[in-house]
Amino acid sequence: MNPAFKTLSTAAFFLLFVSISTLGCKDVRNLLTDITAPTETPSKPASSPISRPGTLDAPPQKAPLAPGPTAQPAKLRANDSAIADGDTIRAVGFDKSIRLLQLDTEELLKDEDLVFAERDWQGYVASKTKKKNQIATYGTPLGNQAADFARSFFDGIEDIYVEYESPLRTREFFGRHLAYVWIQKHGDSTGWLNYNIEAVRAGMSPYYTKYGYSELYHDAFVAAESEAKAAKRGIWAPDVKAYPDYNRREREWAERAKSIRTFRERFQNTPDFIELGTDVALATLRERIGQRVTVFGFVDRYSPSAKPPKIQMSHRYRENVVIVTKPPVKFPTSQISLKNGEFIYAEGTVTLFRGSPQIEFDSKSSLYSGTNPPPTPNQ
């Protein structure tokens, strides 16, 4: 052995012996663990499971979250107009506001409604929920709190990342952008934060599935809502002044979400099946004039007394797609519900009426409910 190396090794052993003599056994185990443990490469900051920015007491996510490769950098507006409410924000360069996916925060409470609600909360709710067959939306203190939560979340933030769930669904009924919005908290342990998920975790909104489950972050939303319910945050708190009927809302949303999921799993990539409400639905119908297709969507209005009878299917604002019978054919109303909001499949021939695509329902056509879809093409 090299004499110099032997001398160095002897010295190192002597130092270790002195350290052992000085430290307790437990400290020695820690010291040896530190020496032998491999060095880890720092990972990219990941989404924190916190309920609101700044808290660090929640357990870590099983899998870090970060925006996908299609997320676009953007900037929040610099003035007070950046936050419309708890589920809508505005960004520089976007022609319309951004409606945040999977959120449905309660409406803002203001003006005479605020005065009424502060004076008589139960009376105020009763006045807004007179139509028992409809789910009502109205201003509440929780709606104001959700807007405050959004302002706090984005306080001091200019740079955001906007992530669409699908290139087929970038806009909603009124033409607003449909997206998730991310921020990155530089210089601390929180890393990436998805506002949509964190708003659910804070109890500012349920996991809103009326227009379908999240295809990118379903598990994260389920976990966030479970956490908020367990901790009784926001809308889940006892005696809170918020919508009193979330059990009904979630039950009805879940039924709709199942119908949407069934369509997308079975038919989304089938050319003859067209989902209304998507960015490409009308353009696709125009390309299929004279051909038979099946459209999927929900009933906006059924007019049995019209001549001929019509089903108005919802697409976009003032852009319903009409299903019209070709006499003497009639819609099979004894076999399927055509109530407002019901999902259906309608098969027929695409024609033009006053420049807009419509579906002619003839003797060869079929109607199916959203819960009992048609056979897949390969069946």
Protein backbone atom coordinates (compact mmCIF):
# COMPACT_ATOMS: atom_id res chain seq x y z
CA MET A 1 0.00 0.00 0.00
CA ASN A 2 1.19 3.49 -0.78
CA PRO A 3 2.64 4.93 2.49
CA ALA A 4 0.92 8.29 1.92
CA PHE A 5 -2.49 6.61 1.40
CA LYS A 6 -1.93 4.42 4.48
CA THR A 7 -1.21 7.48 6.59
CA LEU A 8 -4.33 9.26 5.23
CA SER A 9 -6.54 6.22 5.91
CA THR A 10 -5.22 5.95 9.48
CA ALA A 11 -5.98 9.62 10.07
CA ALA A 12 -9.51 9.31 8.67
CA PHE A 13 -10.22 6.29 10.91
CA PHE A 14 -8.90 8.18 13.94
CA LEU A 15 -11.21 11.13 13.19
CA LEU A 16 -14.19 8.79 12.82
CA PHE A 17 -13.30 7.11 16.14
CA VAL A 18 -13.18 10.52 17.84
CA SER A 19 -16.58 11.39 16.33
CA ILE A 20 -18.10 8.13 17.60
CA SER A 21 -16.70 8.74 21.05
CA THR A 22 -18.22 12.21 21.08
CA LEU A 23 -21.68 11.38 19.59
CA GLY A 24 -24.36 9.05 20.95
CA CYS A 25 -25.26 5.84 19.12
CA LYS A 26 -28.34 7.38 17.54
CA ASP A 27 -26.31 10.28 16.20
CA VAL A 28 -23.77 7.90 14.78
CA ARG A 29 -26.45 6.01 12.88
CA ASN A 30 -27.65 9.32 11.46
CA LEU A 31 -24.13 10.32 10.55
CA LEU A 32 -23.46 7.05 8.76
CA THR A 33 -26.80 7.25 6.97
CA ASP A 34 -25.93 10.73 5.76
CA ILE A 35 -22.56 9.55 4.52
CA THR A 36 -23.84 6.50 2.66
CA ALA A 37 -27.13 7.85 1.34
CA PRO A 38 -27.07 8.63 -2.40
CA THR A 39 -27.46 12.23 -3.44
CA GLU A 40 -30.85 12.91 -5.06
CA THR A 41 -31.28 15.22 -7.98
CA PRO A 42 -33.74 17.98 -7.10
CA SER A 43 -37.04 17.44 -8.90
CA LYS A 44 -39.13 20.02 -10.72
CA PRO A 45 -41.47 21.89 -8.37
CA ALA A 46 -44.76 20.06 -8.13
CA SER A 47 -48.31 21.04 -7.31
CA SER A 48 -48.96 21.40 -3.61
CA PRO A 49 -52.07 19.83 -2.11
CA ILE A 50 -52.67 22.93 -0.01
CA SER A 51 -56.11 24.35 0.48
CA ARG A 52 -55.00 27.90 -0.22
CA PRO A 53 -51.67 29.58 -1.00
CA GLY A 54 -49.31 29.78 1.94
CA THR A 55 -50.42 26.78 4.04
CA LEU A 56 -48.05 23.84 4.30
CA ASP A 57 -49.86 21.47 6.67
CA ALA A 58 -51.46 19.10 4.16
CA PRO A 59 -49.94 15.73 3.21
CA PRO A 60 -48.04 15.58 -0.10
CA GLN A 61 -49.72 14.50 -3.34
CA LYS A 62 -49.02 10.94 -4.42
CA ALA A 63 -47.98 12.21 -7.84
CA PRO A 64 -46.72 15.71 -8.55
CA LEU A 65 -48.90 17.81 -10.82
CA ALA A 66 -47.63 20.23 -13.42
CA PRO A 67 -49.10 21.73 -16.57
CA GLY A 68 -49.00 19.57 -19.68
CA PRO A 69 -46.99 20.36 -22.81
CA THR A 70 -49.88 22.25 -24.44
CA ALA A 71 -50.21 24.82 -21.64
CA GLN A 72 -49.76 28.36 -22.95
CA PRO A 73 -48.01 31.17 -21.06
CA ALA A 74 -50.20 34.22 -20.53
CA LYS A 75 -50.52 37.23 -18.27
CA LEU A 76 -53.34 38.22 -15.99
CA ARG A 77 -54.84 41.62 -16.56
CA ALA A 78 -53.13 44.13 -14.33
CA ASN A 79 -56.24 45.81 -12.94
CA ASP A 80 -59.20 44.73 -10.81
CA SER A 81 -60.94 43.24 -13.84
CA ALA A 82 -58.59 40.21 -13.78
CA ILE A 83 -60.91 38.39 -11.38
CA ALA A 84 -64.54 38.29 -12.50
CA ASP A 85 -65.56 35.85 -9.76
CA GLY A 86 -64.43 32.55 -8.29
CA ASP A 87 -64.63 30.60 -11.55
CA THR A 88 -63.87 33.21 -14.23
CA ILE A 89 -60.73 35.27 -14.85
CA ARG A 90 -59.45 37.55 -17.60
CA ALA A 91 -56.04 37.47 -19.27
CA VAL A 92 -54.20 39.83 -21.60
CA GLY A 93 -54.77 39.10 -25.29
CA PHE A 94 -57.71 36.72 -24.84
CA ASP A 95 -60.78 37.88 -26.74
CA LYS A 96 -63.07 36.63 -23.99
CA SER A 97 -62.76 35.67 -20.35
CA ILE A 98 -61.52 32.25 -19.20
CA ARG A 99 -64.20 30.04 -17.66
CA LEU A 100 -62.32 27.70 -15.35
CA LEU A 101 -62.96 24.02 -15.99
CA GLN A 102 -64.68 21.81 -13.39
CA LEU A 103 -65.62 24.79 -11.21
CA ASP A 104 -69.01 26.28 -10.43
CA THR A 105 -68.61 28.77 -7.63
CA GLU A 106 -71.72 30.44 -6.30
CA GLU A 107 -72.77 33.79 -7.74
CA LEU A 108 -71.74 37.15 -6.31
CA LEU A 109 -74.13 38.60 -3.75
CA LYS A 110 -74.63 42.34 -4.17
CA ASP A 111 -77.02 45.30 -4.32
CA GLU A 112 -80.61 44.65 -3.16
CA ASP A 113 -80.02 40.90 -2.91
CA LEU A 114 -77.24 41.53 -0.40
CA VAL A 115 -79.56 43.67 1.72
CA PHE A 116 -82.32 41.04 1.56
CA ALA A 117 -79.97 38.14 2.36
CA GLU A 118 -78.44 39.92 5.34
CA ARG A 119 -81.89 40.69 6.72
CA ASP A 120 -83.54 37.31 6.10
CA TRP A 121 -81.34 34.56 4.71
CA GLN A 122 -83.99 31.81 4.68
CA GLY A 123 -86.52 34.11 3.05
CA TYR A 124 -83.96 35.15 0.47
CA VAL A 125 -83.16 31.51 -0.46
CA ALA A 126 -86.87 30.69 -0.66
CA SER A 127 -87.43 33.57 -3.06
CA LYS A 128 -84.69 32.24 -5.37
CA THR A 129 -85.77 28.59 -5.35
CA LYS A 130 -89.49 28.78 -6.13
CA LYS A 131 -89.23 26.48 -9.16
CA LYS A 132 -88.68 23.15 -7.43
CA ASN A 133 -88.02 21.29 -10.69
CA GLN A 134 -85.04 23.51 -11.52
CA ILE A 135 -81.67 23.98 -9.90
CA ALA A 136 -81.31 27.69 -9.21
CA THR A 137 -78.21 29.88 -9.23
CA TYR A 138 -78.10 33.08 -7.20
CA GLY A 139 -75.78 35.27 -5.20
CA THR A 140 -74.55 34.05 -1.80
CA PRO A 141 -71.91 35.05 0.76
CA LEU A 142 -69.92 32.00 -0.43
CA GLY A 143 -69.93 33.46 -3.93
CA ASN A 144 -68.27 36.59 -2.58
CA GLN A 145 -65.85 34.47 -0.57
CA ALA A 146 -64.91 32.49 -3.68
CA ALA A 147 -64.07 35.72 -5.53
CA ASP A 148 -61.95 36.81 -2.56
CA PHE A 149 -60.19 33.43 -2.62
CA ALA A 150 -59.35 33.94 -6.29
CA ARG A 151 -57.97 37.42 -5.62
CA SER A 152 -55.83 36.05 -2.79
CA PHE A 153 -54.62 33.12 -4.88
CA PHE A 154 -53.52 35.36 -7.76
CA ASP A 155 -52.29 38.21 -5.56
CA GLY A 156 -48.90 39.35 -6.84
CA ILE A 157 -49.14 36.92 -9.79
CA GLU A 158 -48.76 38.18 -13.33
CA ASP A 159 -47.61 35.09 -15.23
CA ILE A 160 -50.07 32.23 -15.63
CA TYR A 161 -50.32 29.13 -17.81
CA VAL A 162 -53.57 28.37 -19.61
CA GLU A 163 -54.24 24.71 -20.39
CA TYR A 164 -57.14 23.54 -22.55
CA GLU A 165 -58.38 20.04 -21.91
CA SER A 166 -58.95 19.18 -25.57
CA PRO A 167 -58.47 20.95 -28.91
CA LEU A 168 -62.09 19.96 -29.62
CA ARG A 169 -63.41 21.82 -26.57
CA THR A 170 -61.69 25.15 -26.07
CA ARG A 171 -64.88 27.27 -25.83
CA GLU A 172 -68.10 27.00 -23.84
CA PHE A 173 -71.73 27.90 -24.61
CA PHE A 174 -71.16 31.68 -24.60
CA GLY A 175 -67.82 31.53 -26.42
CA ARG A 176 -65.63 31.96 -23.35
CA HIS A 177 -62.37 30.02 -23.14
CA LEU A 178 -62.57 26.73 -21.20
CA ALA A 179 -59.33 25.98 -19.41
CA TYR A 180 -57.28 25.12 -16.37
CA VAL A 181 -55.06 27.90 -15.05
CA TRP A 182 -51.69 27.25 -13.42
CA ILE A 183 -49.28 29.44 -11.51
CA GLN A 184 -45.77 28.72 -10.33
CA LYS A 185 -44.77 29.86 -6.86
CA HIS A 186 -41.09 30.64 -7.30
CA GLY A 187 -38.68 30.30 -4.42
CA ASP A 188 -40.78 28.13 -2.10
CA SER A 189 -41.90 24.53 -1.77
CA THR A 190 -45.29 24.84 -3.40
CA GLY A 191 -44.11 24.69 -7.01
CA TRP A 192 -46.92 24.40 -9.56
CA LEU A 193 -50.46 25.12 -8.44
CA ASN A 194 -53.59 24.43 -10.47
CA TYR A 195 -56.15 27.05 -9.44
CA ASN A 196 -59.10 24.87 -10.48
CA ILE A 197 -58.04 22.04 -8.17
CA GLU A 198 -57.07 24.32 -5.29
CA ALA A 199 -60.44 26.11 -5.40
CA VAL A 200 -62.14 22.74 -4.98
CA ARG A 201 -59.73 21.82 -2.17
CA ALA A 202 -60.56 25.06 -0.39
CA GLY A 203 -64.30 24.32 -0.58
CA MET A 204 -65.01 27.23 -2.91
CA SER A 205 -66.66 24.91 -5.44
CA PRO A 206 -67.65 21.28 -5.79
CA TYR A 207 -66.01 19.16 -8.44
CA TYR A 208 -68.34 20.37 -11.21
CA THR A 209 -69.14 17.54 -13.62
CA LYS A 210 -72.30 18.82 -15.31
CA TYR A 211 -70.42 18.99 -18.64
CA GLY A 212 -68.27 15.94 -18.08
CA TYR A 213 -65.50 14.60 -15.87
CA SER A 214 -62.02 16.06 -16.11
CA GLU A 215 -60.06 13.99 -18.60
CA LEU A 216 -56.71 15.27 -17.34
CA TYR A 217 -57.09 15.61 -13.56
CA HIS A 218 -60.12 13.57 -12.47
CA ASP A 219 -58.35 11.82 -9.59
CA ALA A 220 -56.90 15.09 -8.31
CA PHE A 221 -60.33 16.72 -8.29
CA VAL A 222 -61.90 13.75 -6.49
CA ALA A 223 -59.17 13.85 -3.84
CA ALA A 224 -59.44 17.63 -3.45
CA GLU A 225 -63.21 17.50 -2.97
CA SER A 226 -62.92 14.63 -0.48
CA GLU A 227 -60.38 16.64 1.49
CA ALA A 228 -62.59 19.74 1.51
CA LYS A 229 -65.63 17.76 2.66
CA ALA A 230 -63.69 16.00 5.42
CA ALA A 231 -62.32 19.31 6.67
CA LYS A 232 -65.73 21.02 6.27
CA ARG A 233 -64.29 23.87 4.25
CA GLY A 234 -66.25 26.51 2.40
CA ILE A 235 -69.53 25.23 0.97
CA TRP A 236 -69.18 22.05 3.06
CA ALA A 237 -69.07 23.88 6.39
CA PRO A 238 -72.05 23.43 8.74
CA ASP A 239 -74.58 26.27 8.86
CA VAL A 240 -72.84 28.06 6.00
CA LYS A 241 -74.83 30.54 3.93
CA ALA A 242 -74.51 28.74 0.63
CA TYR A 243 -76.62 26.63 -1.73
CA PRO A 244 -78.50 24.08 0.42
CA ASP A 245 -78.94 21.43 -2.30
CA TYR A 246 -75.48 20.18 -3.27
CA ASN A 247 -76.55 16.56 -2.84
CA ARG A 248 -79.12 17.03 -5.60
CA ARG A 249 -76.72 19.00 -7.78
CA GLU A 250 -73.96 16.40 -7.55
CA ARG A 251 -76.40 13.56 -8.23
CA GLU A 252 -77.75 15.19 -11.39
CA TRP A 253 -74.30 16.25 -12.58
CA ALA A 254 -73.00 12.70 -12.12
CA GLU A 255 -75.77 11.30 -14.35
CA ARG A 256 -74.90 13.79 -17.08
CA ALA A 257 -71.19 13.12 -16.71
CA LYS A 258 -71.73 9.39 -17.16
CA SER A 259 -73.63 9.95 -20.41
CA ILE A 260 -70.88 12.24 -21.73
CA ARG A 261 -68.15 9.79 -20.74
CA THR A 262 -69.98 6.95 -22.48
CA PHE A 263 -70.21 8.94 -25.72
CA ARG A 264 -66.54 9.94 -25.67
CA GLU A 265 -65.31 6.45 -24.85
CA ARG A 266 -67.42 4.76 -27.53
CA PHE A 267 -67.99 7.27 -30.30
CA GLN A 268 -65.67 10.30 -30.10
CA ASN A 269 -63.39 8.92 -32.81
CA THR A 270 -66.24 7.62 -34.99
CA PRO A 271 -66.77 9.98 -37.97
CA ASP A 272 -70.54 9.45 -38.17
CA PHE A 273 -71.06 10.52 -34.53
CA ILE A 274 -70.88 14.24 -33.72
CA GLU A 275 -70.87 15.77 -30.23
CA LEU A 276 -72.71 19.08 -30.12
CA GLY A 277 -71.11 21.88 -28.13
CA THR A 278 -67.64 21.14 -29.46
CA ASP A 279 -65.63 23.65 -31.48
CA VAL A 280 -65.95 21.61 -34.68
CA ALA A 281 -69.54 20.34 -34.52
CA LEU A 282 -71.20 22.83 -36.91
CA ALA A 283 -68.32 22.77 -39.38
CA THR A 284 -68.48 18.98 -39.43
CA LEU A 285 -72.24 19.03 -40.04
CA ARG A 286 -71.75 21.42 -42.95
CA GLU A 287 -69.28 18.99 -44.48
CA ARG A 288 -71.82 16.18 -44.17
CA ILE A 289 -74.79 17.79 -46.00
CA GLY A 290 -76.88 15.03 -47.54
CA GLN A 291 -75.28 12.31 -45.42
CA ARG A 292 -76.56 10.38 -42.43
CA VAL A 293 -74.99 11.11 -39.04
CA THR A 294 -75.81 10.74 -35.35
CA VAL A 295 -75.63 13.84 -33.18
CA PHE A 296 -75.19 13.66 -29.40
CA GLY A 297 -76.19 16.41 -27.01
CA PHE A 298 -78.92 17.53 -24.68
CA VAL A 299 -82.43 18.78 -25.36
CA ASP A 300 -82.91 22.52 -25.06
CA ARG A 301 -86.56 22.47 -26.11
CA TYR A 302 -89.05 20.01 -27.58
CA SER A 303 -91.86 21.50 -29.67
CA PRO A 304 -94.39 18.75 -30.41
CA SER A 305 -97.01 21.24 -31.67
CA ALA A 306 -94.73 22.84 -34.22
CA LYS A 307 -95.31 22.04 -37.90
CA PRO A 308 -93.39 19.88 -38.33
CA PRO A 309 -92.50 18.87 -34.70
CA LYS A 310 -88.95 19.83 -33.69
CA ILE A 311 -86.33 19.01 -31.09
CA GLN A 312 -83.96 21.89 -30.37
CA MET A 313 -80.60 20.47 -29.27
CA SER A 314 -78.23 22.79 -27.44
CA HIS A 315 -74.97 23.75 -29.14
CA ARG A 316 -73.88 27.35 -28.53
CA TYR A 317 -75.64 30.60 -27.68
CA ARG A 318 -78.34 31.16 -30.35
CA GLU A 319 -76.98 28.21 -32.34
CA ASN A 320 -79.19 25.25 -31.51
CA VAL A 321 -79.20 22.30 -33.87
CA VAL A 322 -82.75 21.36 -34.88
CA ILE A 323 -83.98 17.80 -35.32
CA VAL A 324 -87.06 17.97 -37.55
CA THR A 325 -89.43 15.16 -38.48
CA LYS A 326 -90.26 14.35 -42.07
CA PRO A 327 -94.04 13.68 -42.14
CA PRO A 328 -95.68 11.33 -41.56
CA VAL A 329 -92.84 10.21 -39.28
CA LYS A 330 -93.16 11.06 -35.58
CA PHE A 331 -90.64 11.12 -32.75
CA PRO A 332 -90.85 7.97 -30.58
CA THR A 333 -91.76 9.90 -27.42
CA SER A 334 -93.16 6.80 -25.73
CA GLN A 335 -89.69 5.26 -25.76
CA ILE A 336 -87.49 8.22 -24.81
CA SER A 337 -87.69 11.33 -22.64
CA LEU A 338 -87.35 14.65 -24.43
CA LYS A 339 -87.37 16.83 -21.31
CA ASN A 340 -85.11 19.86 -21.25
CA GLY A 341 -81.58 18.85 -20.29
CA GLU A 342 -81.94 15.18 -21.26
CA PHE A 343 -79.06 13.76 -23.30
CA ILE A 344 -80.06 12.02 -26.52
CA TYR A 345 -78.60 10.52 -29.68
CA ALA A 346 -80.46 11.58 -32.84
CA GLU A 347 -79.73 9.88 -36.16
CA GLY A 348 -80.82 11.30 -39.51
CA THR A 349 -79.80 13.13 -42.67
CA VAL A 350 -78.01 16.48 -42.54
CA THR A 351 -79.82 19.20 -44.50
CA LEU A 352 -79.62 23.00 -44.62
CA PHE A 353 -82.45 25.24 -43.46
CA ARG A 354 -81.95 28.99 -43.89
CA GLY A 355 -78.23 28.44 -44.01
CA SER A 356 -77.96 26.36 -40.83
CA PRO A 357 -77.44 22.60 -40.61
CA GLN A 358 -80.33 20.55 -39.27
CA ILE A 359 -81.11 16.84 -38.96
CA GLU A 360 -84.07 15.34 -40.83
CA PHE A 361 -85.61 12.52 -38.84
CA ASP A 362 -87.17 10.03 -41.26
CA SER A 363 -88.51 6.49 -41.23
CA LYS A 364 -84.97 5.08 -41.06
CA SER A 365 -83.92 7.33 -38.19
CA SER A 366 -83.47 6.47 -34.53
CA LEU A 367 -83.48 8.23 -31.16
CA TYR A 368 -81.59 6.90 -28.14
CA SER A 369 -81.31 8.24 -24.62
CA GLY A 370 -77.98 9.27 -23.18
CA THR A 371 -78.21 6.43 -20.66
CA ASN A 372 -79.07 3.83 -23.33
CA PRO A 373 -76.79 4.63 -26.28
CA PRO A 374 -76.90 3.04 -29.73
CA PRO A 375 -74.70 0.06 -30.53
CA THR A 376 -71.12 0.87 -31.39
CA PRO A 377 -70.43 0.63 -35.16
CA ASN A 378 -68.49 -2.65 -34.81
CA GLN A 379 -71.28 -4.40 -32.93
